Amino acid sequence: MEYVDKYDYLKELVLNEVDIDGKTFRLEEEFDKFFVKGNKTAGKRIRKFMQLIRRTAEDIRQDVQNYKKSI
């Protein structure tokens, strides 16, 4: 995946709907469900979102490091 695609995917994770386990969710809505409404299962979805964000961010970080070494 090219760096622009990874960046767009990272933005999508944070801002738009994302497919998790065959259903679509928005991170902002899950935060609201968990922290405001007390829905414990929303916490599990938040952790899944955060894991996807972490993996994507790590990939981007590696791309930046590799590019930096090449210049």
N, C-alpha and C. Protein backbone atom coordinates (compact mmCIF):
# COMPACT_ATOMS: atom_id res chain seq x y z
N MET A 1 0.85 -1.17 0.00
CA MET A 1 0.00 0.00 0.00
C MET A 1 0.90 1.24 0.00
N GLU A 2 0.59 2.17 -0.83
CA GLU A 2 1.37 3.40 -0.94
C GLU A 2 1.07 4.32 0.25
N TYR A 3 2.01 5.20 0.56
CA TYR A 3 1.88 6.03 1.75
C TYR A 3 0.61 6.89 1.74
N VAL A 4 0.21 7.37 0.57
CA VAL A 4 -1.01 8.19 0.50
C VAL A 4 -2.22 7.34 0.86
N ASP A 5 -2.24 6.10 0.41
CA ASP A 5 -3.33 5.19 0.75
C ASP A 5 -3.38 4.94 2.25
N LYS A 6 -2.22 4.78 2.86
CA LYS A 6 -2.17 4.54 4.30
C LYS A 6 -2.67 5.77 5.07
N TYR A 7 -2.26 6.94 4.61
CA TYR A 7 -2.71 8.18 5.25
C TYR A 7 -4.23 8.32 5.12
N ASP A 8 -4.76 8.06 3.94
CA ASP A 8 -6.21 8.14 3.74
C ASP A 8 -6.94 7.13 4.61
N TYR A 9 -6.38 5.93 4.73
CA TYR A 9 -6.99 4.90 5.58
C TYR A 9 -6.98 5.35 7.04
N LEU A 10 -5.90 5.95 7.49
CA LEU A 10 -5.81 6.45 8.86
C LEU A 10 -6.88 7.52 9.10
N LYS A 11 -7.04 8.44 8.16
CA LYS A 11 -8.08 9.47 8.28
C LYS A 11 -9.46 8.83 8.32
N GLU A 12 -9.67 7.82 7.48
CA GLU A 12 -10.96 7.13 7.45
C GLU A 12 -11.27 6.49 8.79
N LEU A 13 -10.27 5.86 9.41
CA LEU A 13 -10.48 5.23 10.71
C LEU A 13 -10.97 6.23 11.74
N VAL A 14 -10.39 7.42 11.72
CA VAL A 14 -10.71 8.41 12.73
C VAL A 14 -12.01 9.16 12.41
N LEU A 15 -12.25 9.47 11.14
CA LEU A 15 -13.35 10.36 10.79
C LEU A 15 -14.61 9.69 10.23
N ASN A 16 -14.45 8.57 9.54
CA ASN A 16 -15.59 7.98 8.83
C ASN A 16 -16.01 6.65 9.43
N GLU A 17 -17.01 6.06 8.81
CA GLU A 17 -17.46 4.73 9.22
C GLU A 17 -16.44 3.68 8.79
N VAL A 18 -16.25 2.69 9.66
CA VAL A 18 -15.30 1.62 9.40
C VAL A 18 -16.00 0.29 9.65
N ASP A 19 -15.69 -0.68 8.81
CA ASP A 19 -16.26 -2.01 8.94
C ASP A 19 -15.48 -2.81 9.98
N ILE A 20 -16.17 -3.23 11.04
CA ILE A 20 -15.58 -4.08 12.08
C ILE A 20 -16.51 -5.26 12.28
N ASP A 21 -16.00 -6.44 12.06
CA ASP A 21 -16.78 -7.68 12.22
C ASP A 21 -18.07 -7.67 11.41
N GLY A 22 -18.00 -7.15 10.20
CA GLY A 22 -19.14 -7.17 9.30
C GLY A 22 -20.17 -6.06 9.51
N LYS A 23 -19.93 -5.17 10.46
CA LYS A 23 -20.84 -4.06 10.70
C LYS A 23 -20.05 -2.77 10.62
N THR A 24 -20.74 -1.67 10.31
CA THR A 24 -20.05 -0.38 10.20
C THR A 24 -20.25 0.43 11.48
N PHE A 25 -19.17 1.05 11.92
CA PHE A 25 -19.19 1.86 13.13
C PHE A 25 -18.39 3.13 12.90
N ARG A 26 -18.67 4.16 13.70
CA ARG A 26 -17.89 5.41 13.69
C ARG A 26 -17.26 5.54 15.07
N LEU A 27 -15.99 5.89 15.11
CA LEU A 27 -15.26 6.01 16.37
C LEU A 27 -15.92 7.02 17.30
N GLU A 28 -16.31 8.16 16.75
CA GLU A 28 -16.93 9.19 17.57
C GLU A 28 -18.20 8.69 18.26
N GLU A 29 -19.02 7.96 17.52
CA GLU A 29 -20.25 7.42 18.09
C GLU A 29 -19.96 6.38 19.17
N GLU A 30 -18.94 5.58 18.96
CA GLU A 30 -18.58 4.57 19.95
C GLU A 30 -18.07 5.21 21.23
N PHE A 31 -17.30 6.30 21.12
CA PHE A 31 -16.86 7.04 22.30
C PHE A 31 -18.06 7.55 23.08
N ASP A 32 -19.04 8.10 22.36
CA ASP A 32 -20.25 8.61 23.00
C ASP A 32 -21.01 7.49 23.70
N LYS A 33 -21.16 6.36 23.02
CA LYS A 33 -21.88 5.23 23.61
C LYS A 33 -21.19 4.73 24.88
N PHE A 34 -19.87 4.69 24.85
CA PHE A 34 -19.12 4.15 25.98
C PHE A 34 -19.04 5.13 27.14
N PHE A 35 -18.56 6.34 26.87
CA PHE A 35 -18.29 7.28 27.95
C PHE A 35 -19.53 8.03 28.45
N VAL A 36 -20.49 8.29 27.59
CA VAL A 36 -21.68 9.03 27.99
C VAL A 36 -22.81 8.10 28.41
N LYS A 37 -23.06 7.08 27.57
CA LYS A 37 -24.20 6.21 27.82
C LYS A 37 -23.85 4.97 28.64
N GLY A 38 -22.55 4.69 28.81
CA GLY A 38 -22.14 3.56 29.64
C GLY A 38 -22.27 2.20 28.97
N ASN A 39 -22.29 2.17 27.65
CA ASN A 39 -22.41 0.91 26.91
C ASN A 39 -21.04 0.21 26.90
N LYS A 40 -20.92 -0.88 27.66
CA LYS A 40 -19.63 -1.55 27.81
C LYS A 40 -19.14 -2.21 26.52
N THR A 41 -20.04 -2.70 25.68
CA THR A 41 -19.60 -3.34 24.44
C THR A 41 -19.00 -2.32 23.46
N ALA A 42 -19.39 -1.07 23.60
CA ALA A 42 -18.78 -0.02 22.76
C ALA A 42 -17.30 0.11 23.10
N GLY A 43 -16.92 -0.17 24.34
CA GLY A 43 -15.51 -0.14 24.74
C GLY A 43 -14.69 -1.15 23.97
N LYS A 44 -15.26 -2.31 23.71
CA LYS A 44 -14.57 -3.34 22.92
C LYS A 44 -14.34 -2.84 21.49
N ARG A 45 -15.34 -2.18 20.93
CA ARG A 45 -15.20 -1.65 19.58
C ARG A 45 -14.18 -0.52 19.54
N ILE A 46 -14.15 0.31 20.58
CA ILE A 46 -13.15 1.37 20.64
C ILE A 46 -11.75 0.77 20.65
N ARG A 47 -11.56 -0.29 21.41
CA ARG A 47 -10.24 -0.94 21.45
C ARG A 47 -9.87 -1.51 20.08
N LYS A 48 -10.84 -2.04 19.35
CA LYS A 48 -10.56 -2.54 18.00
C LYS A 48 -10.17 -1.39 17.07
N PHE A 49 -10.90 -0.28 17.17
CA PHE A 49 -10.53 0.90 16.40
C PHE A 49 -9.10 1.31 16.70
N MET A 50 -8.79 1.41 17.99
CA MET A 50 -7.47 1.88 18.40
C MET A 50 -6.37 0.92 17.93
N GLN A 51 -6.66 -0.36 17.90
CA GLN A 51 -5.68 -1.34 17.40
C GLN A 51 -5.44 -1.12 15.90
N LEU A 52 -6.50 -0.88 15.15
CA LEU A 52 -6.35 -0.59 13.71
C LEU A 52 -5.55 0.69 13.51
N ILE A 53 -5.83 1.70 14.31
CA ILE A 53 -5.10 2.97 14.21
C ILE A 53 -3.63 2.75 14.54
N ARG A 54 -3.36 1.97 15.58
CA ARG A 54 -1.98 1.71 15.99
C ARG A 54 -1.20 1.00 14.89
N ARG A 55 -1.80 -0.03 14.30
CA ARG A 55 -1.12 -0.77 13.23
C ARG A 55 -0.84 0.13 12.03
N THR A 56 -1.83 0.92 11.64
CA THR A 56 -1.67 1.81 10.50
C THR A 56 -0.61 2.87 10.79
N ALA A 57 -0.63 3.43 11.98
CA ALA A 57 0.36 4.43 12.36
C ALA A 57 1.76 3.83 12.37
N GLU A 58 1.89 2.61 12.82
CA GLU A 58 3.21 1.94 12.83
C GLU A 58 3.72 1.73 11.40
N ASP A 59 2.83 1.34 10.49
CA ASP A 59 3.22 1.19 9.09
C ASP A 59 3.70 2.52 8.51
N ILE A 60 2.96 3.59 8.79
CA ILE A 60 3.35 4.90 8.29
C ILE A 60 4.68 5.32 8.90
N ARG A 61 4.85 5.06 10.18
CA ARG A 61 6.10 5.40 10.86
C ARG A 61 7.28 4.69 10.20
N GLN A 62 7.12 3.42 9.87
CA GLN A 62 8.18 2.66 9.20
C GLN A 62 8.47 3.24 7.82
N ASP A 63 7.43 3.61 7.09
CA ASP A 63 7.62 4.23 5.78
C ASP A 63 8.42 5.52 5.88
N VAL A 64 8.09 6.33 6.89
CA VAL A 64 8.80 7.59 7.10
C VAL A 64 10.26 7.31 7.43
N GLN A 65 10.50 6.35 8.30
CA GLN A 65 11.87 6.02 8.69
C GLN A 65 12.67 5.51 7.49
N ASN A 66 12.08 4.64 6.69
CA ASN A 66 12.76 4.10 5.52
C ASN A 66 13.05 5.20 4.50
N TYR A 67 12.08 6.09 4.29
CA TYR A 67 12.28 7.19 3.35
C TYR A 67 13.38 8.12 3.85
N LYS A 68 13.37 8.39 5.15
CA LYS A 68 14.38 9.27 5.73
C LYS A 68 15.78 8.71 5.55
N LYS A 69 15.91 7.41 5.64
CA LYS A 69 17.22 6.76 5.46
C LYS A 69 17.68 6.85 4.01
N SER A 70 16.72 6.91 3.08
CA SER A 70 17.09 6.90 1.66
C SER A 70 17.50 8.27 1.12
N ILE A 71 17.24 9.33 1.87
CA ILE A 71 17.62 10.68 1.38
C ILE A 71 18.86 11.19 2.06
